[in-house]
């Protein structure tokens, strides 16, 4: 399911990137690349054992972590830490894409064509590492 959802987001990414319009939606190009990557890494990591506990999904893992006393990590932060532990080869790319997404969504929606194309290359690397 996660792989299919990631590929669905990847298809939207391809569609947005290919639009030949006056208005560019590069902020959404970067965002869809990141969200596709989220699903790809969840597909790769789960189900699995994390810190001695078995989890079928990221949401199960997240619920457990958030129920720990004083756990203030966001879901994105928890997932990023898991990628660092379980998939160190793509950790840098995943963090770059997450930061680019957060910046384009919350700080500055004006994203260059170069950054949009870079997000495509990074998402493809992440996908290949996960399937």
Protein backbone atom coordinates (compact mmCIF):
# COMPACT_ATOMS: atom_id res chain seq x y z
CA UNK A 1 0.00 0.00 0.00
CA UNK A 2 2.74 2.49 0.92
CA UNK A 3 4.61 1.80 -2.33
CA UNK A 4 1.44 2.43 -4.33
CA UNK A 5 0.76 5.64 -2.42
CA UNK A 6 4.32 6.80 -3.03
CA UNK A 7 3.99 6.09 -6.74
CA UNK A 8 0.67 7.96 -6.80
CA UNK A 9 2.46 11.02 -5.36
CA UNK A 10 5.33 10.48 -7.80
CA UNK A 11 2.84 10.59 -10.69
CA UNK A 12 1.47 13.90 -9.41
CA UNK A 13 5.06 15.14 -9.12
CA UNK A 14 5.71 14.22 -12.77
CA UNK A 15 2.49 15.93 -13.84
CA UNK A 16 3.29 19.16 -11.98
CA UNK A 17 6.86 19.23 -13.24
CA UNK A 18 5.74 18.78 -16.84
CA UNK A 19 3.16 21.58 -16.82
CA UNK A 20 3.94 24.08 -19.53
CA UNK A 21 2.21 27.09 -18.00
CA UNK A 22 3.10 30.62 -17.12
CA UNK A 23 2.66 29.85 -13.45
CA UNK A 24 5.05 27.30 -11.95
CA UNK A 25 4.08 25.14 -9.00
CA UNK A 26 7.60 24.17 -7.98
CA UNK A 27 6.66 24.43 -4.30
CA UNK A 28 4.19 21.59 -4.88
CA UNK A 29 6.69 19.72 -7.03
CA UNK A 30 9.10 19.63 -4.07
CA UNK A 31 6.27 18.81 -1.66
CA UNK A 32 5.02 15.87 -3.71
CA UNK A 33 8.58 14.57 -4.08
CA UNK A 34 8.96 14.58 -0.30
CA UNK A 35 5.58 12.96 0.33
CA UNK A 36 6.33 10.25 -2.25
CA UNK A 37 9.60 9.65 -0.40
CA UNK A 38 7.78 9.40 2.92
CA UNK A 39 5.75 6.50 1.57
CA UNK A 40 8.77 4.85 -0.03
CA UNK A 41 10.73 4.80 3.23
CA UNK A 42 7.71 3.57 5.20
CA UNK A 43 7.36 0.77 2.65
CA UNK A 44 10.99 -0.18 3.21
CA UNK A 45 11.14 0.13 7.01
CA UNK A 46 7.78 -1.33 8.07
CA UNK A 47 6.80 -3.82 9.32
CA UNK A 48 9.87 -4.21 11.50
CA UNK A 49 11.34 -4.28 14.94
CA UNK A 50 12.47 -0.93 16.32
CA UNK A 51 14.21 -0.75 19.68
CA UNK A 52 13.06 -4.29 20.51
CA UNK A 53 9.39 -3.69 19.73
CA UNK A 54 7.47 -4.95 16.70
CA UNK A 55 5.54 -2.41 14.62
CA UNK A 56 3.44 -3.09 11.56
CA UNK A 57 3.22 0.56 10.49
CA UNK A 58 4.88 3.88 11.09
CA UNK A 59 1.70 5.08 12.80
CA UNK A 60 1.97 2.27 15.37
CA UNK A 61 5.58 3.25 16.00
CA UNK A 62 4.63 6.92 16.22
CA UNK A 63 1.80 6.26 18.67
CA UNK A 64 4.21 4.34 20.91
CA UNK A 65 6.83 7.10 20.74
CA UNK A 66 4.31 9.87 21.43
CA UNK A 67 3.00 8.00 24.44
CA UNK A 68 6.45 8.02 26.00
CA UNK A 69 6.77 10.62 28.70
CA UNK A 70 8.16 13.97 27.45
CA UNK A 71 8.40 12.94 23.79
CA UNK A 72 8.08 16.19 21.85
CA UNK A 73 9.21 14.91 18.42
CA UNK A 74 6.99 15.52 15.41
CA UNK A 75 6.12 12.67 13.07
CA UNK A 76 8.52 14.10 10.50
CA UNK A 77 11.30 14.23 13.08
CA UNK A 78 10.64 10.64 14.20
CA UNK A 79 10.65 9.40 10.61
CA UNK A 80 13.83 11.30 9.81
CA UNK A 81 15.55 9.68 12.79
CA UNK A 82 14.39 6.25 11.65
CA UNK A 83 15.73 6.87 8.16
CA UNK A 84 19.06 7.86 9.72
CA UNK A 85 19.16 4.62 11.74
CA UNK A 86 17.74 2.18 9.22
CA UNK A 87 18.77 3.71 5.89
CA UNK A 88 21.91 5.77 6.45
CA UNK A 89 22.83 5.66 2.74
CA UNK A 90 19.91 7.96 1.89
CA UNK A 91 19.74 9.94 5.12
CA UNK A 92 21.31 13.06 3.60
CA UNK A 93 19.00 13.03 0.60
CA UNK A 94 15.92 12.43 2.76
CA UNK A 95 16.81 15.31 5.09
CA UNK A 96 17.52 17.64 2.12
CA UNK A 97 14.12 16.85 0.61
CA UNK A 98 12.35 17.25 3.96
CA UNK A 99 14.01 20.64 4.55
CA UNK A 100 13.24 21.76 0.99
CA UNK A 101 9.60 20.77 1.44
CA UNK A 102 9.23 22.51 4.79
CA UNK A 103 10.84 25.66 3.40
CA UNK A 104 8.68 25.72 0.27
CA UNK A 105 5.47 25.02 2.21
CA UNK A 106 5.96 27.29 5.18
CA UNK A 107 8.58 29.91 4.36
CA UNK A 108 8.87 30.70 0.69
CA UNK A 109 6.71 29.10 -1.98
CA UNK A 110 8.95 30.45 -4.76
CA UNK A 111 11.13 27.48 -5.66
CA UNK A 112 13.58 27.53 -8.54
CA UNK A 113 13.37 25.14 -11.46
CA UNK A 114 16.79 23.85 -10.44
CA UNK A 115 15.58 22.94 -6.95
CA UNK A 116 12.46 21.27 -8.39
CA UNK A 117 14.63 19.17 -10.73
CA UNK A 118 16.99 18.32 -7.85
CA UNK A 119 14.02 17.09 -5.83
CA UNK A 120 13.17 14.76 -8.71
CA UNK A 121 16.66 13.24 -8.73
CA UNK A 122 16.68 12.85 -4.96
CA UNK A 123 13.24 11.25 -4.87
CA UNK A 124 14.38 8.73 -7.51
CA UNK A 125 17.43 7.82 -5.42
CA UNK A 126 15.25 7.33 -2.36
CA UNK A 127 12.75 5.23 -4.30
CA UNK A 128 15.48 2.98 -5.70
CA UNK A 129 16.81 2.41 -2.20
CA UNK A 130 13.37 1.42 -0.97
CA UNK A 131 12.04 -0.97 -3.60
